[in-house]
PDB file of N, CA and C in Angstrom:
ATOM      1  N   MET A   1     132.379  66.325  86.292  1.00  0.00           N
ATOM      2  CA  MET A   1     131.695  67.645  86.446  1.00  0.00           C
ATOM      3  C   MET A   1     131.674  68.053  87.864  1.00  0.00           C
ATOM      4  N   CYS A   2     131.895  69.316  88.100  1.00  0.00           N
ATOM      5  CA  CYS A   2     132.159  69.908  89.435  1.00  0.00           C
ATOM      6  C   CYS A   2     131.201  70.795  89.909  1.00  0.00           C
ATOM      7  N   GLU A   3     130.101  70.996  88.971  1.00  0.00           N
ATOM      8  CA  GLU A   3     129.069  72.002  89.338  1.00  0.00           C
ATOM      9  C   GLU A   3     128.108  71.737  90.569  1.00  0.00           C
ATOM     10  N   SER A   4     127.638  72.583  91.067  1.00  0.00           N
ATOM     11  CA  SER A   4     126.559  72.405  92.167  1.00  0.00           C
ATOM     12  C   SER A   4     125.318  73.080  91.812  1.00  0.00           C
ATOM     13  N   ASN A   5     124.125  72.699  92.418  1.00  0.00           N
ATOM     14  CA  ASN A   5     122.865  73.368  92.482  1.00  0.00           C
ATOM     15  C   ASN A   5     122.893  74.297  93.598  1.00  0.00           C
ATOM     16  N   ALA A   6     122.455  75.480  93.453  1.00  0.00           N
ATOM     17  CA  ALA A   6     122.301  76.445  94.583  1.00  0.00           C
ATOM     18  C   ALA A   6     120.765  76.582  94.976  1.00  0.00           C
ATOM     19  N   TYR A   7     120.605  76.512  96.230  1.00  0.00           N
ATOM     20  CA  TYR A   7     119.222  76.559  96.759  1.00  0.00           C
ATOM     21  C   TYR A   7     119.190  77.795  97.808  1.00  0.00           C
ATOM     22  N   LEU A   8     118.043  78.557  97.782  1.00  0.00           N
ATOM     23  CA  LEU A   8     117.950  79.689  98.660  1.00  0.00           C
ATOM     24  C   LEU A   8     116.985  79.344  99.681  1.00  0.00           C
ATOM     25  N   LEU A   9     117.450  79.389 101.020  1.00  0.00           N
ATOM     26  CA  LEU A   9     116.550  79.009 102.160  1.00  0.00           C
ATOM     27  C   LEU A   9     115.632  80.152 102.576  1.00  0.00           C
ATOM     28  N   LYS A  10     114.388  80.067 102.424  1.00  0.00           N
ATOM     29  CA  LYS A  10     113.372  81.107 102.625  1.00  0.00           C
ATOM     30  C   LYS A  10     112.298  80.441 103.646  1.00  0.00           C
ATOM     31  N   ASP A  11     112.043  81.136 104.777  1.00  0.00           N
ATOM     32  CA  ASP A  11     111.122  80.579 105.738  1.00  0.00           C
ATOM     33  C   ASP A  11     111.237  79.162 106.020  1.00  0.00           C
ATOM     34  N   GLY A  12     112.489  78.473 106.136  1.00  0.00           N
ATOM     35  CA  GLY A  12     112.722  77.211 106.369  1.00  0.00           C
ATOM     36  C   GLY A  12     112.578  76.288 105.202  1.00  0.00           C
ATOM     37  N   GLN A  13     112.259  76.821 104.006  1.00  0.00           N
ATOM     38  CA  GLN A  13     112.171  75.870 102.943  1.00  0.00           C
ATOM     39  C   GLN A  13     113.194  76.172 101.829  1.00  0.00           C
ATOM     40  N   GLU A  14     113.837  75.229 101.241  1.00  0.00           N
ATOM     41  CA  GLU A  14     114.863  75.379 100.213  1.00  0.00           C
ATOM     42  C   GLU A  14     114.261  75.515  98.824  1.00  0.00           C
ATOM     43  N   GLU A  15     114.561  76.605  98.093  1.00  0.00           N
ATOM     44  CA  GLU A  15     114.051  76.784  96.758  1.00  0.00           C
ATOM     45  C   GLU A  15     115.179  76.608  95.781  1.00  0.00           C
ATOM     46  N   LEU A  16     115.197  75.998  94.776  1.00  0.00           N
ATOM     47  CA  LEU A  16     116.212  75.959  93.724  1.00  0.00           C
ATOM     48  C   LEU A  16     116.413  77.367  93.259  1.00  0.00           C
ATOM     49  N   LEU A  17     117.562  77.830  93.265  1.00  0.00           N
ATOM     50  CA  LEU A  17     117.945  79.199  92.721  1.00  0.00           C
ATOM     51  C   LEU A  17     118.621  79.186  91.455  1.00  0.00           C
ATOM     52  N   LEU A  18     119.591  78.310  91.177  1.00  0.00           N
ATOM     53  CA  LEU A  18     120.259  78.107  90.022  1.00  0.00           C
ATOM     54  C   LEU A  18     120.918  76.799  89.871  1.00  0.00           C
ATOM     55  N   GLU A  19     120.901  76.148  88.669  1.00  0.00           N
ATOM     56  CA  GLU A  19     121.520  74.863  88.547  1.00  0.00           C
ATOM     57  C   GLU A  19     122.862  74.938  87.877  1.00  0.00           C
ATOM     58  N   SER A  20     123.609  74.066  88.015  1.00  0.00           N
ATOM     59  CA  SER A  20     125.033  73.827  87.395  1.00  0.00           C
ATOM     60  C   SER A  20     125.959  75.181  87.686  1.00  0.00           C
ATOM     61  N   VAL A  21     125.959  75.544  88.943  1.00  0.00           N
ATOM     62  CA  VAL A  21     126.716  76.710  89.338  1.00  0.00           C
ATOM     63  C   VAL A  21     128.211  76.371  89.438  1.00  0.00           C
ATOM     64  N   ASP A  22     129.078  77.106  88.736  1.00  0.00           N
ATOM     65  CA  ASP A  22     130.473  76.785  88.704  1.00  0.00           C
ATOM     66  C   ASP A  22     131.322  78.059  89.298  1.00  0.00           C
ATOM     67  N   LYS A  23     130.655  79.077  89.531  1.00  0.00           N
ATOM     68  CA  LYS A  23     131.269  80.267  90.229  1.00  0.00           C
ATOM     69  C   LYS A  23     130.359  80.943  91.236  1.00  0.00           C
ATOM     70  N   LEU A  24     130.955  81.109  92.396  1.00  0.00           N
ATOM     71  CA  LEU A  24     130.267  81.790  93.525  1.00  0.00           C
ATOM     72  C   LEU A  24     131.122  82.887  94.028  1.00  0.00           C
ATOM     73  N   ILE A  25     130.653  84.217  94.046  1.00  0.00           N
ATOM     74  CA  ILE A  25     131.435  85.218  94.305  1.00  0.00           C
ATOM     75  C   ILE A  25     130.804  86.069  95.402  1.00  0.00           C
ATOM     76  N   PRO A  26     131.291  85.970  96.626  1.00  0.00           N
ATOM     77  CA  PRO A  26     130.782  86.782  97.699  1.00  0.00           C
ATOM     78  C   PRO A  26     131.258  88.279  97.734  1.00  0.00           C
ATOM     79  N   ASP A  27     130.352  89.215  97.966  1.00  0.00           N
ATOM     80  CA  ASP A  27     130.752  90.615  97.913  1.00  0.00           C
ATOM     81  C   ASP A  27     129.868  91.340  99.036  1.00  0.00           C
ATOM     82  N   GLY A  28     130.518  91.417 100.207  1.00  0.00           N
ATOM     83  CA  GLY A  28     129.605  92.128 101.157  1.00  0.00           C
ATOM     84  C   GLY A  28     128.511  91.163 101.660  1.00  0.00           C
ATOM     85  N   ASP A  29     127.322  91.811 101.514  1.00  0.00           N
ATOM     86  CA  ASP A  29     126.123  91.052 101.818  1.00  0.00           C
ATOM     87  C   ASP A  29     125.321  90.454 100.619  1.00  0.00           C
ATOM     88  N   THR A  30     126.041  90.454  99.478  1.00  0.00           N
ATOM     89  CA  THR A  30     125.486  89.843  98.286  1.00  0.00           C
ATOM     90  C   THR A  30     126.341  88.740  97.722  1.00  0.00           C
ATOM     91  N   ILE A  31     125.718  87.778  97.032  1.00  0.00           N
ATOM     92  CA  ILE A  31     126.594  86.716  96.421  1.00  0.00           C
ATOM     93  C   ILE A  31     126.130  86.678  94.867  1.00  0.00           C
ATOM     94  N   THR A  32     127.086  86.663  94.145  1.00  0.00           N
ATOM     95  CA  THR A  32     126.826  86.455  92.672  1.00  0.00           C
ATOM     96  C   THR A  32     127.121  85.000  92.318  1.00  0.00           C
ATOM     97  N   LEU A  33     126.346  84.298  91.702  1.00  0.00           N
ATOM     98  CA  LEU A  33     126.341  83.073  91.294  1.00  0.00           C
ATOM     99  C   LEU A  33     126.292  83.020  89.714  1.00  0.00           C
ATOM    100  N   GLU A  34     127.235  82.192  89.103  1.00  0.00           N
ATOM    101  CA  GLU A  34     127.181  81.972  87.737  1.00  0.00           C
ATOM    102  C   GLU A  34     127.297  80.566  87.374  1.00  0.00           C
ATOM    103  N   ASN A  35     126.506  80.174  86.323  1.00  0.00           N
ATOM    104  CA  ASN A  35     126.598  78.682  85.904  1.00  0.00           C
ATOM    105  C   ASN A  35     127.302  78.502  84.675  1.00  0.00           C
ATOM    106  N   ILE A  36     127.342  77.314  84.257  1.00  0.00           N
ATOM    107  CA  ILE A  36     128.074  76.901  83.016  1.00  0.00           C
ATOM    108  C   ILE A  36     127.305  77.212  81.734  1.00  0.00           C
ATOM    109  N   PHE A  37     125.990  77.710  81.826  1.00  0.00           N
ATOM    110  CA  PHE A  37     125.352  78.228  80.598  1.00  0.00           C
ATOM    111  C   PHE A  37     125.465  79.800  80.631  1.00  0.00           C
ATOM    112  N   GLY A  38     126.242  80.399  81.364  1.00  0.00           N
ATOM    113  CA  GLY A  38     126.330  81.817  81.188  1.00  0.00           C
ATOM    114  C   GLY A  38     125.287  82.573  82.086  1.00  0.00           C
ATOM    115  N   GLN A  39     124.318  82.007  82.763  1.00  0.00           N
ATOM    116  CA  GLN A  39     123.328  82.580  83.564  1.00  0.00           C
ATOM    117  C   GLN A  39     123.881  83.044  84.826  1.00  0.00           C
ATOM    118  N   ARG A  40     123.535  84.311  85.336  1.00  0.00           N
ATOM    119  CA  ARG A  40     124.066  84.864  86.416  1.00  0.00           C
ATOM    120  C   ARG A  40     122.896  85.294  87.232  1.00  0.00           C
ATOM    121  N   LYS A  41     123.028  85.137  88.685  1.00  0.00           N
ATOM    122  CA  LYS A  41     122.144  85.664  89.679  1.00  0.00           C
ATOM    123  C   LYS A  41     122.779  86.258  90.838  1.00  0.00           C
ATOM    124  N   ILE A  42     122.304  87.483  91.267  1.00  0.00           N
ATOM    125  CA  ILE A  42     122.797  88.137  92.329  1.00  0.00           C
ATOM    126  C   ILE A  42     121.752  88.248  93.400  1.00  0.00           C
ATOM    127  N   VAL A  43     122.155  87.721  94.690  1.00  0.00           N
ATOM    128  CA  VAL A  43     121.308  87.705  95.795  1.00  0.00           C
ATOM    129  C   VAL A  43     121.755  88.142  97.033  1.00  0.00           C
ATOM    130  N   LYS A  44     120.902  88.697  97.807  1.00  0.00           N
ATOM    131  CA  LYS A  44     121.302  89.290  99.181  1.00  0.00           C
ATOM    132  C   LYS A  44     121.265  88.088 100.106  1.00  0.00           C
ATOM    133  N   ALA A  45     122.382  87.530 100.339  1.00  0.00           N
ATOM    134  CA  ALA A  45     122.195  86.235 101.174  1.00  0.00           C
ATOM    135  C   ALA A  45     123.688  85.971 101.761  1.00  0.00           C
ATOM    136  N   ARG A  46     123.750  84.890 102.515  1.00  0.00           N
ATOM    137  CA  ARG A  46     124.971  84.285 103.168  1.00  0.00           C
ATOM    138  C   ARG A  46     124.931  82.927 102.911  1.00  0.00           C
ATOM    139  N   ILE A  47     126.236  82.338 102.869  1.00  0.00           N
ATOM    140  CA  ILE A  47     126.321  80.840 102.634  1.00  0.00           C
ATOM    141  C   ILE A  47     126.006  80.168 103.939  1.00  0.00           C
ATOM    142  N   LYS A  48     125.062  79.313 103.893  1.00  0.00           N
ATOM    143  CA  LYS A  48     124.617  78.573 104.985  1.00  0.00           C
ATOM    144  C   LYS A  48     125.361  77.216 105.018  1.00  0.00           C
ATOM    145  N   GLU A  49     125.568  76.477 103.833  1.00  0.00           N
ATOM    146  CA  GLU A  49     126.131  75.200 103.733  1.00  0.00           C
ATOM    147  C   GLU A  49     126.638  75.067 102.337  1.00  0.00           C
ATOM    148  N   MET A  50     127.833  74.351 102.277  1.00  0.00           N
ATOM    149  CA  MET A  50     128.308  73.996 100.914  1.00  0.00           C
ATOM    150  C   MET A  50     128.674  72.539 101.084  1.00  0.00           C
ATOM    151  N   ALA A  51     128.056  71.744 100.305  1.00  0.00           N
ATOM    152  CA  ALA A  51     128.263  70.266 100.396  1.00  0.00           C
ATOM    153  C   ALA A  51     128.731  69.829  98.889  1.00  0.00           C
ATOM    154  N   LEU A  52     130.077  70.101  98.592  1.00  0.00           N
ATOM    155  CA  LEU A  52     130.482  69.871  97.283  1.00  0.00           C
ATOM    156  C   LEU A  52     130.369  68.459  96.680  1.00  0.00           C
ATOM    157  N   VAL A  53     130.709  67.666  97.501  1.00  0.00           N
ATOM    158  CA  VAL A  53     130.581  66.133  97.120  1.00  0.00           C
ATOM    159  C   VAL A  53     129.159  65.796  96.766  1.00  0.00           C
ATOM    160  N   ASP A  54     128.110  66.470  97.350  1.00  0.00           N
ATOM    161  CA  ASP A  54     126.731  66.259  97.073  1.00  0.00           C
ATOM    162  C   ASP A  54     126.274  67.259  96.002  1.00  0.00           C
ATOM    163  N   HIS A  55     127.153  68.219  95.557  1.00  0.00           N
ATOM    164  CA  HIS A  55     126.750  69.123  94.610  1.00  0.00           C
ATOM    165  C   HIS A  55     125.645  70.170  94.941  1.00  0.00           C
ATOM    166  N   ARG A  56     125.817  70.567  96.150  1.00  0.00           N
ATOM    167  CA  ARG A  56     124.758  71.358  96.758  1.00  0.00           C
ATOM    168  C   ARG A  56     125.444  72.746  97.379  1.00  0.00           C
ATOM    169  N   ILE A  57     124.785  73.828  97.203  1.00  0.00           N
ATOM    170  CA  ILE A  57     125.055  75.071  97.843  1.00  0.00           C
ATOM    171  C   ILE A  57     123.833  75.596  98.380  1.00  0.00           C
ATOM    172  N   VAL A  58     123.741  75.879  99.727  1.00  0.00           N
ATOM    173  CA  VAL A  58     122.503  76.391 100.444  1.00  0.00           C
ATOM    174  C   VAL A  58     122.888  77.770 100.835  1.00  0.00           C
ATOM    175  N   LEU A  59     122.105  78.751 100.357  1.00  0.00           N
ATOM    176  CA  LEU A  59     122.301  80.137 100.792  1.00  0.00           C
ATOM    177  C   LEU A  59     121.106  80.597 101.693  1.00  0.00           C
ATOM    178  N   GLU A  60     121.329  81.507 102.681  1.00  0.00           N
ATOM    179  CA  GLU A  60     120.201  81.947 103.538  1.00  0.00           C
ATOM    180  C   GLU A  60     120.004  83.348 103.182  1.00  0.00           C
ATOM    181  N   GLN A  61     118.700  83.626 102.827  1.00  0.00           N
ATOM    182  CA  GLN A  61     118.525  84.954 102.446  1.00  0.00           C
ATOM    183  C   GLN A  61     118.517  86.007 103.526  1.00  0.00           C
ATOM    184  N   LEU A  62     119.044  87.066 103.339  1.00  0.00           N
ATOM    185  CA  LEU A  62     119.295  88.174 104.334  1.00  0.00           C
ATOM    186  C   LEU A  62     118.067  89.117 104.505  1.00  0.00           C
TER     187      LEU A  62
END
């Protein structure tokens, strides 16, 4: 499995945003995340870190 959990960094704290993300689509200042269960979230954020071996995506809220 190649999915990652996505976390949103707010005020220095990481909050789980979406589990089992398999698609990340940046578009200007928003990012669309989709997971293997068909859930979709759109957030106003930027990518802070992607550690795919650790299955982690960290986004920083704008």
